[in-house]
PDBML (XML) file of the C-alpha atoms, coordinates in Angstrom:
<?xml version="1.0" encoding="UTF-8" ?>
<PDBx:datablock datablockName="MODEL"
   xmlns:PDBx="http://pdbml.pdb.org/schema/pdbx-v50.xsd"
   xmlns:xsi="http://www.w3.org/2001/XMLSchema-instance"
   xsi:schemaLocation="http://pdbml.pdb.org/schema/pdbx-v50.xsd pdbx-v50.xsd">
   <PDBx:atom_siteCategory>
      <PDBx:atom_site id="1">
         <PDBx:B_iso_or_equiv>0.00</PDBx:B_iso_or_equiv>
         <PDBx:Cartn_x>-8.606</PDBx:Cartn_x>
         <PDBx:Cartn_y>36.900</PDBx:Cartn_y>
         <PDBx:Cartn_z>34.986</PDBx:Cartn_z>
         <PDBx:auth_asym_id>A</PDBx:auth_asym_id>
         <PDBx:auth_atom_id>CA</PDBx:auth_atom_id>
         <PDBx:auth_comp_id>VAL</PDBx:auth_comp_id>
         <PDBx:auth_seq_id>1</PDBx:auth_seq_id>
         <PDBx:group_PDB>ATOM</PDBx:group_PDB>
         <PDBx:label_alt_id xsi:nil="true" />
         <PDBx:label_asym_id>A</PDBx:label_asym_id>
         <PDBx:label_atom_id>CA</PDBx:label_atom_id>
         <PDBx:label_comp_id>VAL</PDBx:label_comp_id>
         <PDBx:label_entity_id>1</PDBx:label_entity_id>
         <PDBx:label_seq_id>1</PDBx:label_seq_id>
         <PDBx:occupancy>1.00</PDBx:occupancy>
         <PDBx:pdbx_PDB_model_num>1</PDBx:pdbx_PDB_model_num>
         <PDBx:type_symbol>C</PDBx:type_symbol>
      </PDBx:atom_site>
      <PDBx:atom_site id="2">
         <PDBx:B_iso_or_equiv>0.00</PDBx:B_iso_or_equiv>
         <PDBx:Cartn_x>-11.959</PDBx:Cartn_x>
         <PDBx:Cartn_y>37.376</PDBx:Cartn_y>
         <PDBx:Cartn_z>37.135</PDBx:Cartn_z>
         <PDBx:auth_asym_id>A</PDBx:auth_asym_id>
         <PDBx:auth_atom_id>CA</PDBx:auth_atom_id>
         <PDBx:auth_comp_id>ALA</PDBx:auth_comp_id>
         <PDBx:auth_seq_id>2</PDBx:auth_seq_id>
         <PDBx:group_PDB>ATOM</PDBx:group_PDB>
         <PDBx:label_alt_id xsi:nil="true" />
         <PDBx:label_asym_id>A</PDBx:label_asym_id>
         <PDBx:label_atom_id>CA</PDBx:label_atom_id>
         <PDBx:label_comp_id>ALA</PDBx:label_comp_id>
         <PDBx:label_entity_id>1</PDBx:label_entity_id>
         <PDBx:label_seq_id>2</PDBx:label_seq_id>
         <PDBx:occupancy>1.00</PDBx:occupancy>
         <PDBx:pdbx_PDB_model_num>1</PDBx:pdbx_PDB_model_num>
         <PDBx:type_symbol>C</PDBx:type_symbol>
      </PDBx:atom_site>
      <PDBx:atom_site id="3">
         <PDBx:B_iso_or_equiv>0.00</PDBx:B_iso_or_equiv>
         <PDBx:Cartn_x>-10.977</PDBx:Cartn_x>
         <PDBx:Cartn_y>41.091</PDBx:Cartn_y>
         <PDBx:Cartn_z>38.044</PDBx:Cartn_z>
         <PDBx:auth_asym_id>A</PDBx:auth_asym_id>
         <PDBx:auth_atom_id>CA</PDBx:auth_atom_id>
         <PDBx:auth_comp_id>GLU</PDBx:auth_comp_id>
         <PDBx:auth_seq_id>3</PDBx:auth_seq_id>
         <PDBx:group_PDB>ATOM</PDBx:group_PDB>
         <PDBx:label_alt_id xsi:nil="true" />
         <PDBx:label_asym_id>A</PDBx:label_asym_id>
         <PDBx:label_atom_id>CA</PDBx:label_atom_id>
         <PDBx:label_comp_id>GLU</PDBx:label_comp_id>
         <PDBx:label_entity_id>1</PDBx:label_entity_id>
         <PDBx:label_seq_id>3</PDBx:label_seq_id>
         <PDBx:occupancy>1.00</PDBx:occupancy>
         <PDBx:pdbx_PDB_model_num>1</PDBx:pdbx_PDB_model_num>
         <PDBx:type_symbol>C</PDBx:type_symbol>
      </PDBx:atom_site>
      <PDBx:atom_site id="4">
         <PDBx:B_iso_or_equiv>0.00</PDBx:B_iso_or_equiv>
         <PDBx:Cartn_x>-10.141</PDBx:Cartn_x>
         <PDBx:Cartn_y>41.406</PDBx:Cartn_y>
         <PDBx:Cartn_z>34.242</PDBx:Cartn_z>
         <PDBx:auth_asym_id>A</PDBx:auth_asym_id>
         <PDBx:auth_atom_id>CA</PDBx:auth_atom_id>
         <PDBx:auth_comp_id>PHE</PDBx:auth_comp_id>
         <PDBx:auth_seq_id>4</PDBx:auth_seq_id>
         <PDBx:group_PDB>ATOM</PDBx:group_PDB>
         <PDBx:label_alt_id xsi:nil="true" />
         <PDBx:label_asym_id>A</PDBx:label_asym_id>
         <PDBx:label_atom_id>CA</PDBx:label_atom_id>
         <PDBx:label_comp_id>PHE</PDBx:label_comp_id>
         <PDBx:label_entity_id>1</PDBx:label_entity_id>
         <PDBx:label_seq_id>4</PDBx:label_seq_id>
         <PDBx:occupancy>1.00</PDBx:occupancy>
         <PDBx:pdbx_PDB_model_num>1</PDBx:pdbx_PDB_model_num>
         <PDBx:type_symbol>C</PDBx:type_symbol>
      </PDBx:atom_site>
      <PDBx:atom_site id="5">
         <PDBx:B_iso_or_equiv>0.00</PDBx:B_iso_or_equiv>
         <PDBx:Cartn_x>-14.038</PDBx:Cartn_x>
         <PDBx:Cartn_y>40.554</PDBx:Cartn_y>
         <PDBx:Cartn_z>33.690</PDBx:Cartn_z>
         <PDBx:auth_asym_id>A</PDBx:auth_asym_id>
         <PDBx:auth_atom_id>CA</PDBx:auth_atom_id>
         <PDBx:auth_comp_id>VAL</PDBx:auth_comp_id>
         <PDBx:auth_seq_id>5</PDBx:auth_seq_id>
         <PDBx:group_PDB>ATOM</PDBx:group_PDB>
         <PDBx:label_alt_id xsi:nil="true" />
         <PDBx:label_asym_id>A</PDBx:label_asym_id>
         <PDBx:label_atom_id>CA</PDBx:label_atom_id>
         <PDBx:label_comp_id>VAL</PDBx:label_comp_id>
         <PDBx:label_entity_id>1</PDBx:label_entity_id>
         <PDBx:label_seq_id>5</PDBx:label_seq_id>
         <PDBx:occupancy>1.00</PDBx:occupancy>
         <PDBx:pdbx_PDB_model_num>1</PDBx:pdbx_PDB_model_num>
         <PDBx:type_symbol>C</PDBx:type_symbol>
      </PDBx:atom_site>
      <PDBx:atom_site id="6">
         <PDBx:B_iso_or_equiv>0.00</PDBx:B_iso_or_equiv>
         <PDBx:Cartn_x>-15.547</PDBx:Cartn_x>
         <PDBx:Cartn_y>42.188</PDBx:Cartn_y>
         <PDBx:Cartn_z>35.765</PDBx:Cartn_z>
         <PDBx:auth_asym_id>A</PDBx:auth_asym_id>
         <PDBx:auth_atom_id>CA</PDBx:auth_atom_id>
         <PDBx:auth_comp_id>ARG</PDBx:auth_comp_id>
         <PDBx:auth_seq_id>6</PDBx:auth_seq_id>
         <PDBx:group_PDB>ATOM</PDBx:group_PDB>
         <PDBx:label_alt_id xsi:nil="true" />
         <PDBx:label_asym_id>A</PDBx:label_asym_id>
         <PDBx:label_atom_id>CA</PDBx:label_atom_id>
         <PDBx:label_comp_id>ARG</PDBx:label_comp_id>
         <PDBx:label_entity_id>1</PDBx:label_entity_id>
         <PDBx:label_seq_id>6</PDBx:label_seq_id>
         <PDBx:occupancy>1.00</PDBx:occupancy>
         <PDBx:pdbx_PDB_model_num>1</PDBx:pdbx_PDB_model_num>
         <PDBx:type_symbol>C</PDBx:type_symbol>
      </PDBx:atom_site>
      <PDBx:atom_site id="7">
         <PDBx:B_iso_or_equiv>0.00</PDBx:B_iso_or_equiv>
         <PDBx:Cartn_x>-14.137</PDBx:Cartn_x>
         <PDBx:Cartn_y>45.426</PDBx:Cartn_y>
         <PDBx:Cartn_z>34.593</PDBx:Cartn_z>
         <PDBx:auth_asym_id>A</PDBx:auth_asym_id>
         <PDBx:auth_atom_id>CA</PDBx:auth_atom_id>
         <PDBx:auth_comp_id>TRP</PDBx:auth_comp_id>
         <PDBx:auth_seq_id>7</PDBx:auth_seq_id>
         <PDBx:group_PDB>ATOM</PDBx:group_PDB>
         <PDBx:label_alt_id xsi:nil="true" />
         <PDBx:label_asym_id>A</PDBx:label_asym_id>
         <PDBx:label_atom_id>CA</PDBx:label_atom_id>
         <PDBx:label_comp_id>TRP</PDBx:label_comp_id>
         <PDBx:label_entity_id>1</PDBx:label_entity_id>
         <PDBx:label_seq_id>7</PDBx:label_seq_id>
         <PDBx:occupancy>1.00</PDBx:occupancy>
         <PDBx:pdbx_PDB_model_num>1</PDBx:pdbx_PDB_model_num>
         <PDBx:type_symbol>C</PDBx:type_symbol>
      </PDBx:atom_site>
      <PDBx:atom_site id="8">
         <PDBx:B_iso_or_equiv>0.00</PDBx:B_iso_or_equiv>
         <PDBx:Cartn_x>-15.199</PDBx:Cartn_x>
         <PDBx:Cartn_y>44.815</PDBx:Cartn_y>
         <PDBx:Cartn_z>31.184</PDBx:Cartn_z>
         <PDBx:auth_asym_id>A</PDBx:auth_asym_id>
         <PDBx:auth_atom_id>CA</PDBx:auth_atom_id>
         <PDBx:auth_comp_id>LEU</PDBx:auth_comp_id>
         <PDBx:auth_seq_id>8</PDBx:auth_seq_id>
         <PDBx:group_PDB>ATOM</PDBx:group_PDB>
         <PDBx:label_alt_id xsi:nil="true" />
         <PDBx:label_asym_id>A</PDBx:label_asym_id>
         <PDBx:label_atom_id>CA</PDBx:label_atom_id>
         <PDBx:label_comp_id>LEU</PDBx:label_comp_id>
         <PDBx:label_entity_id>1</PDBx:label_entity_id>
         <PDBx:label_seq_id>8</PDBx:label_seq_id>
         <PDBx:occupancy>1.00</PDBx:occupancy>
         <PDBx:pdbx_PDB_model_num>1</PDBx:pdbx_PDB_model_num>
         <PDBx:type_symbol>C</PDBx:type_symbol>
      </PDBx:atom_site>
      <PDBx:atom_site id="9">
         <PDBx:B_iso_or_equiv>0.00</PDBx:B_iso_or_equiv>
         <PDBx:Cartn_x>-19.025</PDBx:Cartn_x>
         <PDBx:Cartn_y>43.656</PDBx:Cartn_y>
         <PDBx:Cartn_z>32.646</PDBx:Cartn_z>
         <PDBx:auth_asym_id>A</PDBx:auth_asym_id>
         <PDBx:auth_atom_id>CA</PDBx:auth_atom_id>
         <PDBx:auth_comp_id>ILE</PDBx:auth_comp_id>
         <PDBx:auth_seq_id>9</PDBx:auth_seq_id>
         <PDBx:group_PDB>ATOM</PDBx:group_PDB>
         <PDBx:label_alt_id xsi:nil="true" />
         <PDBx:label_asym_id>A</PDBx:label_asym_id>
         <PDBx:label_atom_id>CA</PDBx:label_atom_id>
         <PDBx:label_comp_id>ILE</PDBx:label_comp_id>
         <PDBx:label_entity_id>1</PDBx:label_entity_id>
         <PDBx:label_seq_id>9</PDBx:label_seq_id>
         <PDBx:occupancy>1.00</PDBx:occupancy>
         <PDBx:pdbx_PDB_model_num>1</PDBx:pdbx_PDB_model_num>
         <PDBx:type_symbol>C</PDBx:type_symbol>
      </PDBx:atom_site>
      <PDBx:atom_site id="10">
         <PDBx:B_iso_or_equiv>0.00</PDBx:B_iso_or_equiv>
         <PDBx:Cartn_x>-18.753</PDBx:Cartn_x>
         <PDBx:Cartn_y>47.107</PDBx:Cartn_y>
         <PDBx:Cartn_z>35.301</PDBx:Cartn_z>
         <PDBx:auth_asym_id>A</PDBx:auth_asym_id>
         <PDBx:auth_atom_id>CA</PDBx:auth_atom_id>
         <PDBx:auth_comp_id>GLY</PDBx:auth_comp_id>
         <PDBx:auth_seq_id>10</PDBx:auth_seq_id>
         <PDBx:group_PDB>ATOM</PDBx:group_PDB>
         <PDBx:label_alt_id xsi:nil="true" />
         <PDBx:label_asym_id>A</PDBx:label_asym_id>
         <PDBx:label_atom_id>CA</PDBx:label_atom_id>
         <PDBx:label_comp_id>GLY</PDBx:label_comp_id>
         <PDBx:label_entity_id>1</PDBx:label_entity_id>
         <PDBx:label_seq_id>10</PDBx:label_seq_id>
         <PDBx:occupancy>1.00</PDBx:occupancy>
         <PDBx:pdbx_PDB_model_num>1</PDBx:pdbx_PDB_model_num>
         <PDBx:type_symbol>C</PDBx:type_symbol>
      </PDBx:atom_site>
      <PDBx:atom_site id="11">
         <PDBx:B_iso_or_equiv>0.00</PDBx:B_iso_or_equiv>
         <PDBx:Cartn_x>-17.197</PDBx:Cartn_x>
         <PDBx:Cartn_y>49.253</PDBx:Cartn_y>
         <PDBx:Cartn_z>32.026</PDBx:Cartn_z>
         <PDBx:auth_asym_id>A</PDBx:auth_asym_id>
         <PDBx:auth_atom_id>CA</PDBx:auth_atom_id>
         <PDBx:auth_comp_id>ILE</PDBx:auth_comp_id>
         <PDBx:auth_seq_id>11</PDBx:auth_seq_id>
         <PDBx:group_PDB>ATOM</PDBx:group_PDB>
         <PDBx:label_alt_id xsi:nil="true" />
         <PDBx:label_asym_id>A</PDBx:label_asym_id>
         <PDBx:label_atom_id>CA</PDBx:label_atom_id>
         <PDBx:label_comp_id>ILE</PDBx:label_comp_id>
         <PDBx:label_entity_id>1</PDBx:label_entity_id>
         <PDBx:label_seq_id>11</PDBx:label_seq_id>
         <PDBx:occupancy>1.00</PDBx:occupancy>
         <PDBx:pdbx_PDB_model_num>1</PDBx:pdbx_PDB_model_num>
         <PDBx:type_symbol>C</PDBx:type_symbol>
      </PDBx:atom_site>
      <PDBx:atom_site id="12">
         <PDBx:B_iso_or_equiv>0.00</PDBx:B_iso_or_equiv>
         <PDBx:Cartn_x>-20.960</PDBx:Cartn_x>
         <PDBx:Cartn_y>47.336</PDBx:Cartn_y>
         <PDBx:Cartn_z>30.071</PDBx:Cartn_z>
         <PDBx:auth_asym_id>A</PDBx:auth_asym_id>
         <PDBx:auth_atom_id>CA</PDBx:auth_atom_id>
         <PDBx:auth_comp_id>ALA</PDBx:auth_comp_id>
         <PDBx:auth_seq_id>12</PDBx:auth_seq_id>
         <PDBx:group_PDB>ATOM</PDBx:group_PDB>
         <PDBx:label_alt_id xsi:nil="true" />
         <PDBx:label_asym_id>A</PDBx:label_asym_id>
         <PDBx:label_atom_id>CA</PDBx:label_atom_id>
         <PDBx:label_comp_id>ALA</PDBx:label_comp_id>
         <PDBx:label_entity_id>1</PDBx:label_entity_id>
         <PDBx:label_seq_id>12</PDBx:label_seq_id>
         <PDBx:occupancy>1.00</PDBx:occupancy>
         <PDBx:pdbx_PDB_model_num>1</PDBx:pdbx_PDB_model_num>
         <PDBx:type_symbol>C</PDBx:type_symbol>
      </PDBx:atom_site>
      <PDBx:atom_site id="13">
         <PDBx:B_iso_or_equiv>0.00</PDBx:B_iso_or_equiv>
         <PDBx:Cartn_x>-22.936</PDBx:Cartn_x>
         <PDBx:Cartn_y>48.528</PDBx:Cartn_y>
         <PDBx:Cartn_z>32.702</PDBx:Cartn_z>
         <PDBx:auth_asym_id>A</PDBx:auth_asym_id>
         <PDBx:auth_atom_id>CA</PDBx:auth_atom_id>
         <PDBx:auth_comp_id>VAL</PDBx:auth_comp_id>
         <PDBx:auth_seq_id>13</PDBx:auth_seq_id>
         <PDBx:group_PDB>ATOM</PDBx:group_PDB>
         <PDBx:label_alt_id xsi:nil="true" />
         <PDBx:label_asym_id>A</PDBx:label_asym_id>
         <PDBx:label_atom_id>CA</PDBx:label_atom_id>
         <PDBx:label_comp_id>VAL</PDBx:label_comp_id>
         <PDBx:label_entity_id>1</PDBx:label_entity_id>
         <PDBx:label_seq_id>13</PDBx:label_seq_id>
         <PDBx:occupancy>1.00</PDBx:occupancy>
         <PDBx:pdbx_PDB_model_num>1</PDBx:pdbx_PDB_model_num>
         <PDBx:type_symbol>C</PDBx:type_symbol>
      </PDBx:atom_site>
      <PDBx:atom_site id="14">
         <PDBx:B_iso_or_equiv>0.00</PDBx:B_iso_or_equiv>
         <PDBx:Cartn_x>-21.576</PDBx:Cartn_x>
         <PDBx:Cartn_y>52.035</PDBx:Cartn_y>
         <PDBx:Cartn_z>31.701</PDBx:Cartn_z>
         <PDBx:auth_asym_id>A</PDBx:auth_asym_id>
         <PDBx:auth_atom_id>CA</PDBx:auth_atom_id>
         <PDBx:auth_comp_id>ILE</PDBx:auth_comp_id>
         <PDBx:auth_seq_id>14</PDBx:auth_seq_id>
         <PDBx:group_PDB>ATOM</PDBx:group_PDB>
         <PDBx:label_alt_id xsi:nil="true" />
         <PDBx:label_asym_id>A</PDBx:label_asym_id>
         <PDBx:label_atom_id>CA</PDBx:label_atom_id>
         <PDBx:label_comp_id>ILE</PDBx:label_comp_id>
         <PDBx:label_entity_id>1</PDBx:label_entity_id>
         <PDBx:label_seq_id>14</PDBx:label_seq_id>
         <PDBx:occupancy>1.00</PDBx:occupancy>
         <PDBx:pdbx_PDB_model_num>1</PDBx:pdbx_PDB_model_num>
         <PDBx:type_symbol>C</PDBx:type_symbol>
      </PDBx:atom_site>
      <PDBx:atom_site id="15">
         <PDBx:B_iso_or_equiv>0.00</PDBx:B_iso_or_equiv>
         <PDBx:Cartn_x>-22.121</PDBx:Cartn_x>
         <PDBx:Cartn_y>52.294</PDBx:Cartn_y>
         <PDBx:Cartn_z>28.307</PDBx:Cartn_z>
         <PDBx:auth_asym_id>A</PDBx:auth_asym_id>
         <PDBx:auth_atom_id>CA</PDBx:auth_atom_id>
         <PDBx:auth_comp_id>GLN</PDBx:auth_comp_id>
         <PDBx:auth_seq_id>15</PDBx:auth_seq_id>
         <PDBx:group_PDB>ATOM</PDBx:group_PDB>
         <PDBx:label_alt_id xsi:nil="true" />
         <PDBx:label_asym_id>A</PDBx:label_asym_id>
         <PDBx:label_atom_id>CA</PDBx:label_atom_id>
         <PDBx:label_comp_id>GLN</PDBx:label_comp_id>
         <PDBx:label_entity_id>1</PDBx:label_entity_id>
         <PDBx:label_seq_id>15</PDBx:label_seq_id>
         <PDBx:occupancy>1.00</PDBx:occupancy>
         <PDBx:pdbx_PDB_model_num>1</PDBx:pdbx_PDB_model_num>
         <PDBx:type_symbol>C</PDBx:type_symbol>
      </PDBx:atom_site>
      <PDBx:atom_site id="16">
         <PDBx:B_iso_or_equiv>0.00</PDBx:B_iso_or_equiv>
         <PDBx:Cartn_x>-25.703</PDBx:Cartn_x>
         <PDBx:Cartn_y>50.551</PDBx:Cartn_y>
         <PDBx:Cartn_z>29.010</PDBx:Cartn_z>
         <PDBx:auth_asym_id>A</PDBx:auth_asym_id>
         <PDBx:auth_atom_id>CA</PDBx:auth_atom_id>
         <PDBx:auth_comp_id>ALA</PDBx:auth_comp_id>
         <PDBx:auth_seq_id>16</PDBx:auth_seq_id>
         <PDBx:group_PDB>ATOM</PDBx:group_PDB>
         <PDBx:label_alt_id xsi:nil="true" />
         <PDBx:label_asym_id>A</PDBx:label_asym_id>
         <PDBx:label_atom_id>CA</PDBx:label_atom_id>
         <PDBx:label_comp_id>ALA</PDBx:label_comp_id>
         <PDBx:label_entity_id>1</PDBx:label_entity_id>
         <PDBx:label_seq_id>16</PDBx:label_seq_id>
         <PDBx:occupancy>1.00</PDBx:occupancy>
         <PDBx:pdbx_PDB_model_num>1</PDBx:pdbx_PDB_model_num>
         <PDBx:type_symbol>C</PDBx:type_symbol>
      </PDBx:atom_site>
      <PDBx:atom_site id="17">
         <PDBx:B_iso_or_equiv>0.00</PDBx:B_iso_or_equiv>
         <PDBx:Cartn_x>-26.635</PDBx:Cartn_x>
         <PDBx:Cartn_y>53.861</PDBx:Cartn_y>
         <PDBx:Cartn_z>31.116</PDBx:Cartn_z>
         <PDBx:auth_asym_id>A</PDBx:auth_asym_id>
         <PDBx:auth_atom_id>CA</PDBx:auth_atom_id>
         <PDBx:auth_comp_id>VAL</PDBx:auth_comp_id>
         <PDBx:auth_seq_id>17</PDBx:auth_seq_id>
         <PDBx:group_PDB>ATOM</PDBx:group_PDB>
         <PDBx:label_alt_id xsi:nil="true" />
         <PDBx:label_asym_id>A</PDBx:label_asym_id>
         <PDBx:label_atom_id>CA</PDBx:label_atom_id>
         <PDBx:label_comp_id>VAL</PDBx:label_comp_id>
         <PDBx:label_entity_id>1</PDBx:label_entity_id>
         <PDBx:label_seq_id>17</PDBx:label_seq_id>
         <PDBx:occupancy>1.00</PDBx:occupancy>
         <PDBx:pdbx_PDB_model_num>1</PDBx:pdbx_PDB_model_num>
         <PDBx:type_symbol>C</PDBx:type_symbol>
      </PDBx:atom_site>
      <PDBx:atom_site id="18">
         <PDBx:B_iso_or_equiv>0.00</PDBx:B_iso_or_equiv>
         <PDBx:Cartn_x>-24.920</PDBx:Cartn_x>
         <PDBx:Cartn_y>55.623</PDBx:Cartn_y>
         <PDBx:Cartn_z>28.644</PDBx:Cartn_z>
         <PDBx:auth_asym_id>A</PDBx:auth_asym_id>
         <PDBx:auth_atom_id>CA</PDBx:auth_atom_id>
         <PDBx:auth_comp_id>PHE</PDBx:auth_comp_id>
         <PDBx:auth_seq_id>18</PDBx:auth_seq_id>
         <PDBx:group_PDB>ATOM</PDBx:group_PDB>
         <PDBx:label_alt_id xsi:nil="true" />
         <PDBx:label_asym_id>A</PDBx:label_asym_id>
         <PDBx:label_atom_id>CA</PDBx:label_atom_id>
         <PDBx:label_comp_id>PHE</PDBx:label_comp_id>
         <PDBx:label_entity_id>1</PDBx:label_entity_id>
         <PDBx:label_seq_id>18</PDBx:label_seq_id>
         <PDBx:occupancy>1.00</PDBx:occupancy>
         <PDBx:pdbx_PDB_model_num>1</PDBx:pdbx_PDB_model_num>
         <PDBx:type_symbol>C</PDBx:type_symbol>
      </PDBx:atom_site>
      <PDBx:atom_site id="19">
         <PDBx:B_iso_or_equiv>0.00</PDBx:B_iso_or_equiv>
         <PDBx:Cartn_x>-26.877</PDBx:Cartn_x>
         <PDBx:Cartn_y>54.369</PDBx:Cartn_y>
         <PDBx:Cartn_z>25.878</PDBx:Cartn_z>
         <PDBx:auth_asym_id>A</PDBx:auth_asym_id>
         <PDBx:auth_atom_id>CA</PDBx:auth_atom_id>
         <PDBx:auth_comp_id>ALA</PDBx:auth_comp_id>
         <PDBx:auth_seq_id>19</PDBx:auth_seq_id>
         <PDBx:group_PDB>ATOM</PDBx:group_PDB>
         <PDBx:label_alt_id xsi:nil="true" />
         <PDBx:label_asym_id>A</PDBx:label_asym_id>
         <PDBx:label_atom_id>CA</PDBx:label_atom_id>
         <PDBx:label_comp_id>ALA</PDBx:label_comp_id>
         <PDBx:label_entity_id>1</PDBx:label_entity_id>
         <PDBx:label_seq_id>19</PDBx:label_seq_id>
         <PDBx:occupancy>1.00</PDBx:occupancy>
         <PDBx:pdbx_PDB_model_num>1</PDBx:pdbx_PDB_model_num>
         <PDBx:type_symbol>C</PDBx:type_symbol>
      </PDBx:atom_site>
      <PDBx:atom_site id="20">
         <PDBx:B_iso_or_equiv>0.00</PDBx:B_iso_or_equiv>
         <PDBx:Cartn_x>-30.312</PDBx:Cartn_x>
         <PDBx:Cartn_y>54.465</PDBx:Cartn_y>
         <PDBx:Cartn_z>27.066</PDBx:Cartn_z>
         <PDBx:auth_asym_id>A</PDBx:auth_asym_id>
         <PDBx:auth_atom_id>CA</PDBx:auth_atom_id>
         <PDBx:auth_comp_id>SER</PDBx:auth_comp_id>
         <PDBx:auth_seq_id>20</PDBx:auth_seq_id>
         <PDBx:group_PDB>ATOM</PDBx:group_PDB>
         <PDBx:label_alt_id xsi:nil="true" />
         <PDBx:label_asym_id>A</PDBx:label_asym_id>
         <PDBx:label_atom_id>CA</PDBx:label_atom_id>
         <PDBx:label_comp_id>SER</PDBx:label_comp_id>
         <PDBx:label_entity_id>1</PDBx:label_entity_id>
         <PDBx:label_seq_id>20</PDBx:label_seq_id>
         <PDBx:occupancy>1.00</PDBx:occupancy>
         <PDBx:pdbx_PDB_model_num>1</PDBx:pdbx_PDB_model_num>
         <PDBx:type_symbol>C</PDBx:type_symbol>
      </PDBx:atom_site>
      <PDBx:atom_site id="21">
         <PDBx:B_iso_or_equiv>0.00</PDBx:B_iso_or_equiv>
         <PDBx:Cartn_x>-30.078</PDBx:Cartn_x>
         <PDBx:Cartn_y>58.193</PDBx:Cartn_y>
         <PDBx:Cartn_z>28.715</PDBx:Cartn_z>
         <PDBx:auth_asym_id>A</PDBx:auth_asym_id>
         <PDBx:auth_atom_id>CA</PDBx:auth_atom_id>
         <PDBx:auth_comp_id>LEU</PDBx:auth_comp_id>
         <PDBx:auth_seq_id>21</PDBx:auth_seq_id>
         <PDBx:group_PDB>ATOM</PDBx:group_PDB>
         <PDBx:label_alt_id xsi:nil="true" />
         <PDBx:label_asym_id>A</PDBx:label_asym_id>
         <PDBx:label_atom_id>CA</PDBx:label_atom_id>
         <PDBx:label_comp_id>LEU</PDBx:label_comp_id>
         <PDBx:label_entity_id>1</PDBx:label_entity_id>
         <PDBx:label_seq_id>21</PDBx:label_seq_id>
         <PDBx:occupancy>1.00</PDBx:occupancy>
         <PDBx:pdbx_PDB_model_num>1</PDBx:pdbx_PDB_model_num>
         <PDBx:type_symbol>C</PDBx:type_symbol>
      </PDBx:atom_site>
      <PDBx:atom_site id="22">
         <PDBx:B_iso_or_equiv>0.00</PDBx:B_iso_or_equiv>
         <PDBx:Cartn_x>-29.534</PDBx:Cartn_x>
         <PDBx:Cartn_y>58.845</PDBx:Cartn_y>
         <PDBx:Cartn_z>25.702</PDBx:Cartn_z>
         <PDBx:auth_asym_id>A</PDBx:auth_asym_id>
         <PDBx:auth_atom_id>CA</PDBx:auth_atom_id>
         <PDBx:auth_comp_id>LEU</PDBx:auth_comp_id>
         <PDBx:auth_seq_id>22</PDBx:auth_seq_id>
         <PDBx:group_PDB>ATOM</PDBx:group_PDB>
         <PDBx:label_alt_id xsi:nil="true" />
         <PDBx:label_asym_id>A</PDBx:label_asym_id>
         <PDBx:label_atom_id>CA</PDBx:label_atom_id>
         <PDBx:label_comp_id>LEU</PDBx:label_comp_id>
         <PDBx:label_entity_id>1</PDBx:label_entity_id>
         <PDBx:label_seq_id>22</PDBx:label_seq_id>
         <PDBx:occupancy>1.00</PDBx:occupancy>
         <PDBx:pdbx_PDB_model_num>1</PDBx:pdbx_PDB_model_num>
         <PDBx:type_symbol>C</PDBx:type_symbol>
      </PDBx:atom_site>
      <PDBx:atom_site id="23">
         <PDBx:B_iso_or_equiv>0.00</PDBx:B_iso_or_equiv>
         <PDBx:Cartn_x>-31.949</PDBx:Cartn_x>
         <PDBx:Cartn_y>57.053</PDBx:Cartn_y>
         <PDBx:Cartn_z>23.521</PDBx:Cartn_z>
         <PDBx:auth_asym_id>A</PDBx:auth_asym_id>
         <PDBx:auth_atom_id>CA</PDBx:auth_atom_id>
         <PDBx:auth_comp_id>ALA</PDBx:auth_comp_id>
         <PDBx:auth_seq_id>23</PDBx:auth_seq_id>
         <PDBx:group_PDB>ATOM</PDBx:group_PDB>
         <PDBx:label_alt_id xsi:nil="true" />
         <PDBx:label_asym_id>A</PDBx:label_asym_id>
         <PDBx:label_atom_id>CA</PDBx:label_atom_id>
         <PDBx:label_comp_id>ALA</PDBx:label_comp_id>
         <PDBx:label_entity_id>1</PDBx:label_entity_id>
         <PDBx:label_seq_id>23</PDBx:label_seq_id>
         <PDBx:occupancy>1.00</PDBx:occupancy>
         <PDBx:pdbx_PDB_model_num>1</PDBx:pdbx_PDB_model_num>
         <PDBx:type_symbol>C</PDBx:type_symbol>
      </PDBx:atom_site>
      <PDBx:atom_site id="24">
         <PDBx:B_iso_or_equiv>0.00</PDBx:B_iso_or_equiv>
         <PDBx:Cartn_x>-34.506</PDBx:Cartn_x>
         <PDBx:Cartn_y>58.134</PDBx:Cartn_y>
         <PDBx:Cartn_z>25.724</PDBx:Cartn_z>
         <PDBx:auth_asym_id>A</PDBx:auth_asym_id>
         <PDBx:auth_atom_id>CA</PDBx:auth_atom_id>
         <PDBx:auth_comp_id>LEU</PDBx:auth_comp_id>
         <PDBx:auth_seq_id>24</PDBx:auth_seq_id>
         <PDBx:group_PDB>ATOM</PDBx:group_PDB>
         <PDBx:label_alt_id xsi:nil="true" />
         <PDBx:label_asym_id>A</PDBx:label_asym_id>
         <PDBx:label_atom_id>CA</PDBx:label_atom_id>
         <PDBx:label_comp_id>LEU</PDBx:label_comp_id>
         <PDBx:label_entity_id>1</PDBx:label_entity_id>
         <PDBx:label_seq_id>24</PDBx:label_seq_id>
         <PDBx:occupancy>1.00</PDBx:occupancy>
         <PDBx:pdbx_PDB_model_num>1</PDBx:pdbx_PDB_model_num>
         <PDBx:type_symbol>C</PDBx:type_symbol>
      </PDBx:atom_site>
      <PDBx:atom_site id="25">
         <PDBx:B_iso_or_equiv>0.00</PDBx:B_iso_or_equiv>
         <PDBx:Cartn_x>-33.776</PDBx:Cartn_x>
         <PDBx:Cartn_y>61.982</PDBx:Cartn_y>
         <PDBx:Cartn_z>25.745</PDBx:Cartn_z>
         <PDBx:auth_asym_id>A</PDBx:auth_asym_id>
         <PDBx:auth_atom_id>CA</PDBx:auth_atom_id>
         <PDBx:auth_comp_id>SER</PDBx:auth_comp_id>
         <PDBx:auth_seq_id>25</PDBx:auth_seq_id>
         <PDBx:group_PDB>ATOM</PDBx:group_PDB>
         <PDBx:label_alt_id xsi:nil="true" />
         <PDBx:label_asym_id>A</PDBx:label_asym_id>
         <PDBx:label_atom_id>CA</PDBx:label_atom_id>
         <PDBx:label_comp_id>SER</PDBx:label_comp_id>
         <PDBx:label_entity_id>1</PDBx:label_entity_id>
         <PDBx:label_seq_id>25</PDBx:label_seq_id>
         <PDBx:occupancy>1.00</PDBx:occupancy>
         <PDBx:pdbx_PDB_model_num>1</PDBx:pdbx_PDB_model_num>
         <PDBx:type_symbol>C</PDBx:type_symbol>
      </PDBx:atom_site>
   </PDBx:atom_siteCategory>
</PDBx:datablock>
């Protein structure tokens, strides 16, 4: 469960960075 949650959070970080870069650019 903990490893699965870490993966979900890691994907969310990638999504956040990608979305922020697209919005700023």
